[in-house]
Amino acid sequence: MEKHRGFPGRLPGTDFQFTIRRGHKEGATLLTERIRHPDRRPPDKRADAGFMKALWEQFGDAPFVRGNLDAGRLSWLLGREVIAAEDPFDPASYDAMLQINVAVMRVTFPEITGG
């Protein structure tokens, strides 16, 4: 499992986790697309925005390996702001390649790139 050095471990001042310390021996937690309802709590929305900002600052529009990024946090963005960068895509692999969908990210999180 690749560890992304310099990537924040969590949203500062909160318990919202962005990375994991070590992988599971039986494989990575399955990534699944989660629906973000408009009435989500403000702290959850801030965690999504903080994680997206960290992804953008670390990887930009280049493909990146899932590695030690938290499956739960990735799943809130998967299929919209973060997409598979390979075909076939294995959602249960630490080696899965992902990429930021810049067009969608700019609409959802305009504050990250200035719109």
Protein backbone atom coordinates (compact mmCIF):
# COMPACT_ATOMS: atom_id res chain seq x y z
CA MET A 1 0.00 0.00 0.00
CA GLU A 2 1.46 3.31 -1.08
CA LYS A 3 1.52 5.97 1.61
CA HIS A 4 0.99 9.49 0.35
CA ARG A 5 3.65 11.49 2.18
CA GLY A 6 2.63 15.04 2.97
CA PHE A 7 -1.09 14.30 2.65
CA PRO A 8 -3.01 15.46 5.76
CA GLY A 9 -4.12 12.61 8.01
CA ARG A 10 -7.37 14.34 8.94
CA LEU A 11 -9.29 17.59 8.64
CA PRO A 12 -7.53 19.96 11.06
CA GLY A 13 -9.38 20.40 14.33
CA THR A 14 -11.74 17.47 13.72
CA ASP A 15 -11.89 13.68 13.81
CA PHE A 16 -12.64 13.42 10.06
CA GLN A 17 -10.01 10.96 8.85
CA PHE A 18 -8.32 11.39 5.44
CA THR A 19 -5.75 8.55 5.52
CA ILE A 20 -5.27 5.17 7.14
CA ARG A 21 -2.11 4.02 8.90
CA ARG A 22 -1.90 0.47 7.60
CA GLY A 23 -3.79 -1.68 5.16
CA HIS A 24 -5.88 -4.75 5.86
CA LYS A 25 -4.20 -8.07 5.13
CA GLU A 26 -7.33 -9.35 3.39
CA GLY A 27 -7.51 -6.34 1.05
CA ALA A 28 -8.67 -2.78 0.86
CA THR A 29 -12.12 -1.63 1.94
CA LEU A 30 -14.41 -1.52 -1.08
CA LEU A 31 -14.96 1.92 -2.58
CA THR A 32 -18.65 2.59 -3.28
CA GLU A 33 -20.40 5.67 -4.60
CA ARG A 34 -22.23 7.37 -1.74
CA ILE A 35 -25.06 9.81 -2.33
CA ARG A 36 -24.51 13.26 -0.85
CA HIS A 37 -27.88 14.67 0.10
CA PRO A 38 -28.24 18.48 0.11
CA ASP A 39 -29.25 18.48 3.79
CA ARG A 40 -25.94 16.99 5.02
CA ARG A 41 -24.54 18.52 8.17
CA PRO A 42 -22.15 21.48 7.71
CA PRO A 43 -19.21 19.60 9.33
CA ASP A 44 -19.64 16.78 6.79
CA LYS A 45 -19.66 19.29 3.94
CA ARG A 46 -16.48 20.91 5.31
CA ALA A 47 -14.82 17.48 5.49
CA ASP A 48 -15.70 16.80 1.84
CA ALA A 49 -14.33 20.19 0.79
CA GLY A 50 -11.18 19.78 2.91
CA PHE A 51 -10.49 16.32 1.49
CA MET A 52 -11.10 17.52 -2.06
CA LYS A 53 -8.75 20.47 -1.52
CA ALA A 54 -6.05 18.14 -0.17
CA LEU A 55 -6.46 15.84 -3.20
CA TRP A 56 -6.21 18.80 -5.57
CA GLU A 57 -3.12 20.21 -3.85
CA GLN A 58 -1.40 16.80 -3.76
CA PHE A 59 -2.29 15.41 -7.21
CA GLY A 60 -3.89 18.12 -9.38
CA ASP A 61 -5.39 16.61 -12.51
CA ALA A 62 -2.88 13.73 -12.70
CA PRO A 63 -3.92 10.11 -12.01
CA PHE A 64 -3.02 8.85 -8.54
CA VAL A 65 -2.98 5.54 -6.71
CA ARG A 66 -5.55 5.01 -3.96
CA GLY A 67 -2.92 3.87 -1.48
CA ASN A 68 -3.60 4.91 2.11
CA LEU A 69 -6.45 7.31 1.33
CA ASP A 70 -9.51 6.65 3.50
CA ALA A 71 -12.16 4.57 1.70
CA GLY A 72 -15.08 6.24 3.45
CA ARG A 73 -13.92 9.74 2.59
CA LEU A 74 -13.14 8.75 -1.03
CA SER A 75 -16.55 7.12 -1.39
CA TRP A 76 -18.31 10.45 -0.75
CA LEU A 77 -16.58 11.84 -3.89
CA LEU A 78 -16.38 8.70 -6.05
CA GLY A 79 -18.18 8.77 -9.37
CA ARG A 80 -18.43 12.56 -9.38
CA GLU A 81 -15.37 14.58 -8.33
CA VAL A 82 -13.11 11.51 -8.19
CA ILE A 83 -13.31 8.95 -10.98
CA ALA A 84 -11.56 5.75 -11.99
CA ALA A 85 -8.43 6.36 -14.04
CA GLU A 86 -8.18 2.80 -15.33
CA ASP A 87 -10.35 0.19 -16.97
CA PRO A 88 -11.03 -2.27 -15.47
CA PHE A 89 -11.24 -0.50 -12.11
CA ASP A 90 -10.86 -2.57 -8.93
CA PRO A 91 -12.65 -0.73 -6.08
CA ALA A 92 -11.14 -3.15 -3.54
CA SER A 93 -7.48 -2.54 -4.39
CA TYR A 94 -4.94 -0.26 -2.74
CA ASP A 95 -3.31 -0.04 -6.20
CA ALA A 96 -6.46 1.27 -7.94
CA MET A 97 -5.83 4.38 -10.01
CA LEU A 98 -8.08 7.39 -9.52
CA GLN A 99 -8.25 10.88 -10.97
CA ILE A 100 -9.96 14.14 -10.15
CA ASN A 101 -12.77 15.07 -12.54
CA VAL A 102 -11.77 18.73 -12.71
CA ALA A 103 -14.93 19.97 -14.46
CA VAL A 104 -17.22 18.46 -11.81
CA MET A 105 -14.93 19.55 -8.96
CA ARG A 106 -15.03 23.17 -10.17
CA VAL A 107 -18.84 23.16 -10.08
CA THR A 108 -19.17 21.41 -6.72
CA PHE A 109 -16.22 23.07 -4.94
CA PRO A 110 -15.59 26.37 -6.78
CA GLU A 111 -13.61 27.74 -3.82
CA ILE A 112 -10.82 25.19 -4.43
CA THR A 113 -9.77 26.32 -7.90
CA GLY A 114 -11.36 29.73 -8.04
CA GLY A 115 -14.29 28.49 -10.13
